[in-house]
Amino acid sequence: MHVQGSADRNERSASIVNIASTFGLMGYPGSSPYAATKAGLVGLTRQMAIDYSPKAIRVNAVAPGIDRHPVDRRTY
């Protein structure tokens, strides 16, 4: 990923927000490919935060969990 530009005191700061998942933080039955992808995104987010912090660019991830809706009972 390439981020162009920088944020200094005269400019607004920048941020990148990735959409991860709780599946990337802990395992769930039958979700290996999805969980592996989201775990990779969590690692990428951490590394990008380290790489871009000198340029005042914040990098974070949000990790929504399972919505316990009656239609999805087989998931949980």
C-alpha atoms as a PDB file:
ATOM      1  CA  MET A   1       0.000   0.000   0.000  1.00  0.00           C
ATOM      2  CA  HIS A   2       1.273   3.449  -0.855  1.00  0.00           C
ATOM      3  CA  VAL A   3       0.199   6.583   0.980  1.00  0.00           C
ATOM      4  CA  GLN A   4       1.152   9.809  -0.703  1.00  0.00           C
ATOM      5  CA  GLY A   5       1.679  13.078   1.093  1.00  0.00           C
ATOM      6  CA  SER A   6       2.430  13.823   4.698  1.00  0.00           C
ATOM      7  CA  ALA A   7       0.832  15.594   7.585  1.00  0.00           C
ATOM      8  CA  ASP A   8       2.768  18.302   9.372  1.00  0.00           C
ATOM      9  CA  ARG A   9       1.707  20.944  11.877  1.00  0.00           C
ATOM     10  CA  ASN A  10       0.286  23.192   9.148  1.00  0.00           C
ATOM     11  CA  GLU A  11      -1.776  20.457   7.533  1.00  0.00           C
ATOM     12  CA  ARG A  12      -4.546  18.256   8.804  1.00  0.00           C
ATOM     13  CA  SER A  13      -3.527  14.871  10.109  1.00  0.00           C
ATOM     14  CA  ALA A  14      -4.392  11.768   8.145  1.00  0.00           C
ATOM     15  CA  SER A  15      -5.753   8.398   9.120  1.00  0.00           C
ATOM     16  CA  ILE A  16      -6.358   5.012   7.538  1.00  0.00           C
ATOM     17  CA  VAL A  17      -9.056   2.718   8.894  1.00  0.00           C
ATOM     18  CA  ASN A  18      -9.145  -0.940   7.876  1.00  0.00           C
ATOM     19  CA  ILE A  19     -12.178  -3.152   8.411  1.00  0.00           C
ATOM     20  CA  ALA A  20     -11.045  -6.335  10.152  1.00  0.00           C
ATOM     21  CA  SER A  21     -13.180  -8.854  12.047  1.00  0.00           C
ATOM     22  CA  THR A  22     -13.188 -10.719  15.330  1.00  0.00           C
ATOM     23  CA  PHE A  23     -12.664 -13.786  13.117  1.00  0.00           C
ATOM     24  CA  GLY A  24      -9.136 -12.446  12.551  1.00  0.00           C
ATOM     25  CA  LEU A  25      -8.480 -12.277  16.292  1.00  0.00           C
ATOM     26  CA  MET A  26      -9.806 -15.698  17.327  1.00  0.00           C
ATOM     27  CA  GLY A  27     -10.904 -18.825  15.526  1.00  0.00           C
ATOM     28  CA  TYR A  28     -14.408 -19.905  14.587  1.00  0.00           C
ATOM     29  CA  PRO A  29     -15.387 -23.308  13.154  1.00  0.00           C
ATOM     30  CA  GLY A  30     -15.511 -23.504   9.364  1.00  0.00           C
ATOM     31  CA  SER A  31     -14.042 -20.078   8.680  1.00  0.00           C
ATOM     32  CA  SER A  32     -10.366 -20.757   7.953  1.00  0.00           C
ATOM     33  CA  PRO A  33      -9.997 -18.758   4.711  1.00  0.00           C
ATOM     34  CA  TYR A  34     -11.914 -15.751   6.027  1.00  0.00           C
ATOM     35  CA  ALA A  35     -10.170 -15.835   9.415  1.00  0.00           C
ATOM     36  CA  ALA A  36      -6.735 -16.076   7.768  1.00  0.00           C
ATOM     37  CA  THR A  37      -7.499 -13.102   5.542  1.00  0.00           C
ATOM     38  CA  LYS A  38      -8.706 -10.961   8.431  1.00  0.00           C
ATOM     39  CA  ALA A  39      -5.727 -11.998  10.589  1.00  0.00           C
ATOM     40  CA  GLY A  40      -3.453 -10.857   7.767  1.00  0.00           C
ATOM     41  CA  LEU A  41      -5.263  -7.523   7.684  1.00  0.00           C
ATOM     42  CA  VAL A  42      -4.737  -7.099  11.439  1.00  0.00           C
ATOM     43  CA  GLY A  43      -0.989  -7.710  10.958  1.00  0.00           C
ATOM     44  CA  LEU A  44      -0.867  -5.318   8.002  1.00  0.00           C
ATOM     45  CA  THR A  45      -2.613  -2.648  10.061  1.00  0.00           C
ATOM     46  CA  ARG A  46      -0.095  -3.001  12.886  1.00  0.00           C
ATOM     47  CA  GLN A  47       2.844  -2.765  10.499  1.00  0.00           C
ATOM     48  CA  MET A  48       1.390   0.217   8.649  1.00  0.00           C
ATOM     49  CA  ALA A  49       0.880   2.007  11.980  1.00  0.00           C
ATOM     50  CA  ILE A  50       4.582   1.598  12.692  1.00  0.00           C
ATOM     51  CA  ASP A  51       5.645   2.617   9.180  1.00  0.00           C
ATOM     52  CA  TYR A  52       3.422   5.695   8.881  1.00  0.00           C
ATOM     53  CA  SER A  53       3.602   7.086  12.426  1.00  0.00           C
ATOM     54  CA  PRO A  54       6.652   9.274  11.583  1.00  0.00           C
ATOM     55  CA  LYS A  55       4.477  10.986   8.948  1.00  0.00           C
ATOM     56  CA  ALA A  56       1.680  11.620  11.499  1.00  0.00           C
ATOM     57  CA  ILE A  57      -0.630   9.174   9.737  1.00  0.00           C
ATOM     58  CA  ARG A  58      -2.697   7.066  12.118  1.00  0.00           C
ATOM     59  CA  VAL A  59      -3.598   3.544  11.043  1.00  0.00           C
ATOM     60  CA  ASN A  60      -6.305   1.628  12.881  1.00  0.00           C
ATOM     61  CA  ALA A  61      -8.660  -1.268  12.344  1.00  0.00           C
ATOM     62  CA  VAL A  62     -12.182  -1.885  13.526  1.00  0.00           C
ATOM     63  CA  ALA A  63     -13.192  -5.483  14.166  1.00  0.00           C
ATOM     64  CA  PRO A  64     -16.955  -6.026  14.216  1.00  0.00           C
ATOM     65  CA  GLY A  65     -18.182  -9.238  15.795  1.00  0.00           C
ATOM     66  CA  ILE A  66     -21.040 -11.609  15.126  1.00  0.00           C
ATOM     67  CA  ASP A  67     -24.557 -10.239  15.171  1.00  0.00           C
ATOM     68  CA  ARG A  68     -26.688 -12.850  16.911  1.00  0.00           C
ATOM     69  CA  HIS A  69     -29.646 -12.693  14.571  1.00  0.00           C
ATOM     70  CA  PRO A  70     -32.124 -15.613  14.522  1.00  0.00           C
ATOM     71  CA  VAL A  71     -31.457 -16.205  10.816  1.00  0.00           C
ATOM     72  CA  ASP A  72     -27.787 -16.953  11.590  1.00  0.00           C
ATOM     73  CA  ARG A  73     -28.243 -19.409  14.483  1.00  0.00           C
ATOM     74  CA  ARG A  74     -26.100 -22.026  12.771  1.00  0.00           C
ATOM     75  CA  THR A  75     -23.106 -19.633  12.992  1.00  0.00           C
ATOM     76  CA  TYR A  76     -22.996 -19.500  16.776  1.00  0.00           C
END
